[in-house]
Amino acid sequence: MILYNLTINIENDVHEEWLAWAKEIHIPKAMKTSAFTEYRIFKLLNEEDNGGTTYCIQYFANNMWDVEDYQENYSPGLLQEFYDKFPDKFVIFSTVLETV
């Protein structure tokens, strides 16, 4: 199993709006791509007060090909929606992990 992990630090003044948007819009669009079999969303509890809240969205895929297809064909457009909706309000990075 492959884990595609997005870590997002979103400014506190928009984090509740972002979380609702992520759950109602962003995640359903990512899941519609059929690249992932399930997802989970987590909030980081032990972070320094940096004016933001950190979340991880974990998408689970059966194989690396599905993740690569998602990254090439779907992720750029979905990420652009993120930048358009919350400009200059977040920092995001992704990691890909494999079950061992």
N, C-alpha and C. Protein backbone atom coordinates (compact mmCIF):
# COMPACT_ATOMS: atom_id res chain seq x y z
N MET A 1 0.84 -1.17 0.00
CA MET A 1 0.00 0.00 0.00
C MET A 1 0.88 1.23 0.00
N ILE A 2 0.43 2.26 -0.72
CA ILE A 2 1.16 3.52 -0.83
C ILE A 2 0.35 4.61 -0.13
N LEU A 3 1.04 5.45 0.62
CA LEU A 3 0.42 6.58 1.30
C LEU A 3 0.90 7.87 0.66
N TYR A 4 -0.04 8.65 0.17
CA TYR A 4 0.25 9.99 -0.35
C TYR A 4 -0.21 10.96 0.72
N ASN A 5 0.73 11.64 1.35
CA ASN A 5 0.46 12.49 2.50
C ASN A 5 0.64 13.96 2.14
N LEU A 6 -0.39 14.76 2.40
CA LEU A 6 -0.29 16.20 2.27
C LEU A 6 -0.24 16.80 3.66
N THR A 7 0.75 17.63 3.92
CA THR A 7 0.84 18.35 5.18
C THR A 7 0.62 19.82 4.87
N ILE A 8 -0.34 20.41 5.55
CA ILE A 8 -0.74 21.79 5.28
C ILE A 8 -0.73 22.57 6.57
N ASN A 9 -0.03 23.68 6.60
CA ASN A 9 -0.13 24.63 7.71
C ASN A 9 -0.93 25.81 7.17
N ILE A 10 -2.11 26.02 7.74
CA ILE A 10 -3.02 27.05 7.27
C ILE A 10 -3.18 28.11 8.37
N GLU A 11 -3.20 29.37 7.98
CA GLU A 11 -3.31 30.44 8.97
C GLU A 11 -4.60 30.30 9.77
N ASN A 12 -4.51 30.63 11.05
CA ASN A 12 -5.64 30.43 11.95
C ASN A 12 -6.89 31.20 11.55
N ASP A 13 -6.74 32.34 10.92
CA ASP A 13 -7.93 33.13 10.57
C ASP A 13 -8.79 32.48 9.49
N VAL A 14 -8.26 31.49 8.79
CA VAL A 14 -9.04 30.80 7.75
C VAL A 14 -9.07 29.28 7.92
N HIS A 15 -8.51 28.76 9.01
CA HIS A 15 -8.38 27.30 9.11
C HIS A 15 -9.73 26.60 9.19
N GLU A 16 -10.72 27.17 9.84
CA GLU A 16 -12.04 26.52 9.89
C GLU A 16 -12.70 26.52 8.52
N GLU A 17 -12.58 27.62 7.79
CA GLU A 17 -13.11 27.68 6.42
C GLU A 17 -12.37 26.69 5.53
N TRP A 18 -11.04 26.63 5.68
CA TRP A 18 -10.26 25.68 4.89
C TRP A 18 -10.68 24.23 5.18
N LEU A 19 -10.85 23.89 6.46
CA LEU A 19 -11.19 22.52 6.82
C LEU A 19 -12.54 22.12 6.21
N ALA A 20 -13.52 23.01 6.28
CA ALA A 20 -14.82 22.72 5.67
C ALA A 20 -14.67 22.54 4.16
N TRP A 21 -13.90 23.42 3.52
CA TRP A 21 -13.67 23.34 2.07
C TRP A 21 -12.96 22.03 1.71
N ALA A 22 -11.95 21.68 2.50
CA ALA A 22 -11.20 20.44 2.24
C ALA A 22 -12.13 19.23 2.31
N LYS A 23 -12.97 19.18 3.33
CA LYS A 23 -13.86 18.04 3.52
C LYS A 23 -14.99 17.99 2.48
N GLU A 24 -15.51 19.15 2.11
CA GLU A 24 -16.67 19.20 1.21
C GLU A 24 -16.31 19.26 -0.27
N ILE A 25 -15.15 19.83 -0.61
CA ILE A 25 -14.79 20.07 -2.01
C ILE A 25 -13.52 19.33 -2.41
N HIS A 26 -12.41 19.66 -1.76
CA HIS A 26 -11.10 19.17 -2.20
C HIS A 26 -10.98 17.63 -2.10
N ILE A 27 -11.24 17.09 -0.94
CA ILE A 27 -11.07 15.65 -0.76
C ILE A 27 -12.02 14.85 -1.66
N PRO A 28 -13.31 15.22 -1.75
CA PRO A 28 -14.17 14.48 -2.68
C PRO A 28 -13.68 14.51 -4.13
N LYS A 29 -13.11 15.63 -4.57
CA LYS A 29 -12.56 15.70 -5.93
C LYS A 29 -11.36 14.77 -6.07
N ALA A 30 -10.50 14.73 -5.07
CA ALA A 30 -9.34 13.84 -5.12
C ALA A 30 -9.79 12.38 -5.13
N MET A 31 -10.80 12.07 -4.35
CA MET A 31 -11.29 10.69 -4.29
C MET A 31 -11.99 10.28 -5.59
N LYS A 32 -12.60 11.22 -6.29
CA LYS A 32 -13.27 10.92 -7.56
C LYS A 32 -12.29 10.48 -8.65
N THR A 33 -11.02 10.77 -8.49
CA THR A 33 -10.02 10.40 -9.49
C THR A 33 -9.79 8.89 -9.53
N SER A 34 -10.24 8.18 -8.55
CA SER A 34 -10.05 6.73 -8.41
C SER A 34 -8.60 6.33 -8.14
N ALA A 35 -7.75 7.31 -7.85
CA ALA A 35 -6.37 6.99 -7.52
C ALA A 35 -6.25 6.40 -6.12
N PHE A 36 -7.19 6.75 -5.26
CA PHE A 36 -7.09 6.39 -3.85
C PHE A 36 -8.27 5.53 -3.41
N THR A 37 -8.00 4.65 -2.47
CA THR A 37 -9.04 3.76 -1.97
C THR A 37 -9.71 4.32 -0.71
N GLU A 38 -8.99 5.15 0.03
CA GLU A 38 -9.53 5.77 1.23
C GLU A 38 -8.64 6.95 1.62
N TYR A 39 -9.13 7.71 2.60
CA TYR A 39 -8.34 8.83 3.09
C TYR A 39 -8.61 9.01 4.58
N ARG A 40 -7.75 9.75 5.21
CA ARG A 40 -7.92 10.18 6.59
C ARG A 40 -7.37 11.58 6.72
N ILE A 41 -7.95 12.34 7.61
CA ILE A 41 -7.46 13.69 7.85
C ILE A 41 -7.15 13.83 9.35
N PHE A 42 -5.99 14.43 9.63
CA PHE A 42 -5.52 14.58 11.00
C PHE A 42 -5.15 16.03 11.26
N LYS A 43 -5.29 16.43 12.52
CA LYS A 43 -4.85 17.75 12.97
C LYS A 43 -3.67 17.53 13.91
N LEU A 44 -2.59 18.25 13.68
CA LEU A 44 -1.41 18.17 14.53
C LEU A 44 -1.72 18.83 15.87
N LEU A 45 -1.47 18.11 16.95
CA LEU A 45 -1.82 18.61 18.28
C LEU A 45 -0.67 19.28 19.02
N ASN A 46 0.55 18.91 18.72
CA ASN A 46 1.69 19.42 19.50
C ASN A 46 2.61 20.29 18.64
N GLU A 47 2.10 21.42 18.22
CA GLU A 47 2.95 22.30 17.42
C GLU A 47 3.17 23.61 18.14
N GLU A 48 4.22 24.30 17.73
CA GLU A 48 4.50 25.62 18.26
C GLU A 48 3.44 26.60 17.76
N ASP A 49 3.19 27.64 18.52
CA ASP A 49 2.23 28.65 18.09
C ASP A 49 2.91 29.52 17.03
N ASN A 50 2.62 29.22 15.78
CA ASN A 50 3.23 29.96 14.68
C ASN A 50 2.18 30.72 13.88
N GLY A 51 0.99 30.87 14.47
CA GLY A 51 -0.06 31.59 13.77
C GLY A 51 -0.84 30.72 12.81
N GLY A 52 -0.59 29.42 12.84
CA GLY A 52 -1.27 28.52 11.93
C GLY A 52 -1.64 27.21 12.59
N THR A 53 -2.44 26.45 11.88
CA THR A 53 -2.85 25.12 12.33
C THR A 53 -2.41 24.13 11.26
N THR A 54 -1.85 23.01 11.69
CA THR A 54 -1.32 22.03 10.74
C THR A 54 -2.22 20.81 10.67
N TYR A 55 -2.51 20.41 9.43
CA TYR A 55 -3.32 19.23 9.15
C TYR A 55 -2.54 18.32 8.21
N CYS A 56 -2.83 17.03 8.28
CA CYS A 56 -2.33 16.06 7.33
C CYS A 56 -3.52 15.36 6.70
N ILE A 57 -3.53 15.32 5.39
CA ILE A 57 -4.52 14.52 4.67
C ILE A 57 -3.76 13.34 4.11
N GLN A 58 -4.17 12.14 4.50
CA GLN A 58 -3.51 10.92 4.07
C GLN A 58 -4.42 10.18 3.10
N TYR A 59 -3.93 10.03 1.89
CA TYR A 59 -4.64 9.29 0.85
C TYR A 59 -3.95 7.95 0.66
N PHE A 60 -4.72 6.88 0.61
CA PHE A 60 -4.16 5.53 0.46
C PHE A 60 -4.42 5.01 -0.94
N ALA A 61 -3.36 4.50 -1.57
CA ALA A 61 -3.44 3.97 -2.94
C ALA A 61 -2.94 2.53 -2.96
N ASN A 62 -3.40 1.78 -3.93
CA ASN A 62 -2.97 0.39 -4.05
C ASN A 62 -1.56 0.26 -4.60
N ASN A 63 -1.13 1.23 -5.42
CA ASN A 63 0.19 1.12 -6.05
C ASN A 63 0.73 2.49 -6.41
N MET A 64 2.01 2.52 -6.72
CA MET A 64 2.69 3.77 -7.04
C MET A 64 2.19 4.36 -8.35
N TRP A 65 1.79 3.50 -9.30
CA TRP A 65 1.29 4.00 -10.58
C TRP A 65 0.08 4.91 -10.36
N ASP A 66 -0.83 4.55 -9.47
CA ASP A 66 -2.00 5.38 -9.19
C ASP A 66 -1.60 6.74 -8.62
N VAL A 67 -0.62 6.75 -7.73
CA VAL A 67 -0.14 8.00 -7.15
C VAL A 67 0.51 8.87 -8.22
N GLU A 68 1.36 8.27 -9.06
CA GLU A 68 2.03 9.02 -10.12
C GLU A 68 1.01 9.59 -11.11
N ASP A 69 -0.01 8.81 -11.45
CA ASP A 69 -1.07 9.29 -12.33
C ASP A 69 -1.79 10.48 -11.70
N TYR A 70 -2.09 10.38 -10.43
CA TYR A 70 -2.75 11.48 -9.71
C TYR A 70 -1.86 12.73 -9.72
N GLN A 71 -0.58 12.56 -9.39
CA GLN A 71 0.33 13.70 -9.34
C GLN A 71 0.47 14.39 -10.69
N GLU A 72 0.47 13.60 -11.75
CA GLU A 72 0.65 14.16 -13.09
C GLU A 72 -0.63 14.77 -13.66
N ASN A 73 -1.76 14.11 -13.46
CA ASN A 73 -2.97 14.50 -14.16
C ASN A 73 -4.01 15.25 -13.34
N TYR A 74 -3.96 15.15 -12.03
CA TYR A 74 -5.00 15.74 -11.20
C TYR A 74 -4.49 16.73 -10.16
N SER A 75 -3.37 16.42 -9.54
CA SER A 75 -2.86 17.25 -8.46
C SER A 75 -2.63 18.71 -8.86
N PRO A 76 -2.05 19.00 -10.03
CA PRO A 76 -1.82 20.41 -10.36
C PRO A 76 -3.10 21.25 -10.36
N GLY A 77 -4.17 20.73 -10.93
CA GLY A 77 -5.43 21.48 -10.95
C GLY A 77 -6.04 21.64 -9.58
N LEU A 78 -6.00 20.57 -8.78
CA LEU A 78 -6.55 20.65 -7.44
C LEU A 78 -5.73 21.58 -6.56
N LEU A 79 -4.43 21.56 -6.73
CA LEU A 79 -3.58 22.46 -5.97
C LEU A 79 -3.82 23.91 -6.38
N GLN A 80 -4.06 24.14 -7.66
CA GLN A 80 -4.33 25.50 -8.11
C GLN A 80 -5.61 26.04 -7.48
N GLU A 81 -6.61 25.19 -7.32
CA GLU A 81 -7.84 25.61 -6.63
C GLU A 81 -7.53 26.05 -5.20
N PHE A 82 -6.63 25.34 -4.56
CA PHE A 82 -6.20 25.66 -3.21
C PHE A 82 -5.56 27.06 -3.19
N TYR A 83 -4.62 27.30 -4.12
CA TYR A 83 -3.95 28.60 -4.20
C TYR A 83 -4.93 29.72 -4.53
N ASP A 84 -5.91 29.45 -5.37
CA ASP A 84 -6.90 30.47 -5.74
C ASP A 84 -7.81 30.82 -4.56
N LYS A 85 -8.20 29.83 -3.79
CA LYS A 85 -9.14 30.04 -2.69
C LYS A 85 -8.47 30.63 -1.45
N PHE A 86 -7.24 30.23 -1.18
CA PHE A 86 -6.54 30.65 0.05
C PHE A 86 -5.16 31.22 -0.27
N PRO A 87 -5.09 32.26 -1.10
CA PRO A 87 -3.77 32.79 -1.49
C PRO A 87 -2.99 33.32 -0.29
N ASP A 88 -1.73 32.95 -0.23
CA ASP A 88 -0.80 33.42 0.80
C ASP A 88 -1.25 33.09 2.22
N LYS A 89 -2.04 32.04 2.38
CA LYS A 89 -2.55 31.69 3.71
C LYS A 89 -2.05 30.33 4.18
N PHE A 90 -1.18 29.66 3.43
CA PHE A 90 -0.79 28.31 3.79
C PHE A 90 0.58 27.95 3.26
N VAL A 91 1.10 26.89 3.85
CA VAL A 91 2.31 26.22 3.36
C VAL A 91 1.92 24.76 3.23
N ILE A 92 2.32 24.12 2.13
CA ILE A 92 1.93 22.73 1.89
C ILE A 92 3.12 21.96 1.33
N PHE A 93 3.22 20.71 1.72
CA PHE A 93 4.19 19.82 1.08
C PHE A 93 3.60 18.41 1.08
N SER A 94 4.10 17.60 0.17
CA SER A 94 3.60 16.23 0.07
C SER A 94 4.76 15.25 0.25
N THR A 95 4.39 14.06 0.72
CA THR A 95 5.34 12.95 0.85
C THR A 95 4.62 11.69 0.36
N VAL A 96 5.41 10.75 -0.13
CA VAL A 96 4.88 9.47 -0.57
C VAL A 96 5.62 8.39 0.23
N LEU A 97 4.83 7.50 0.84
CA LEU A 97 5.40 6.46 1.69
C LEU A 97 4.85 5.11 1.26
N GLU A 98 5.61 4.07 1.54
CA GLU A 98 5.20 2.71 1.21
C GLU A 98 5.13 1.88 2.49
N THR A 99 4.12 1.06 2.60
CA THR A 99 4.01 0.13 3.71
C THR A 99 5.13 -0.90 3.62
N VAL A 100 5.81 -1.13 4.73
CA VAL A 100 6.89 -2.13 4.75
C VAL A 100 6.59 -3.20 5.78
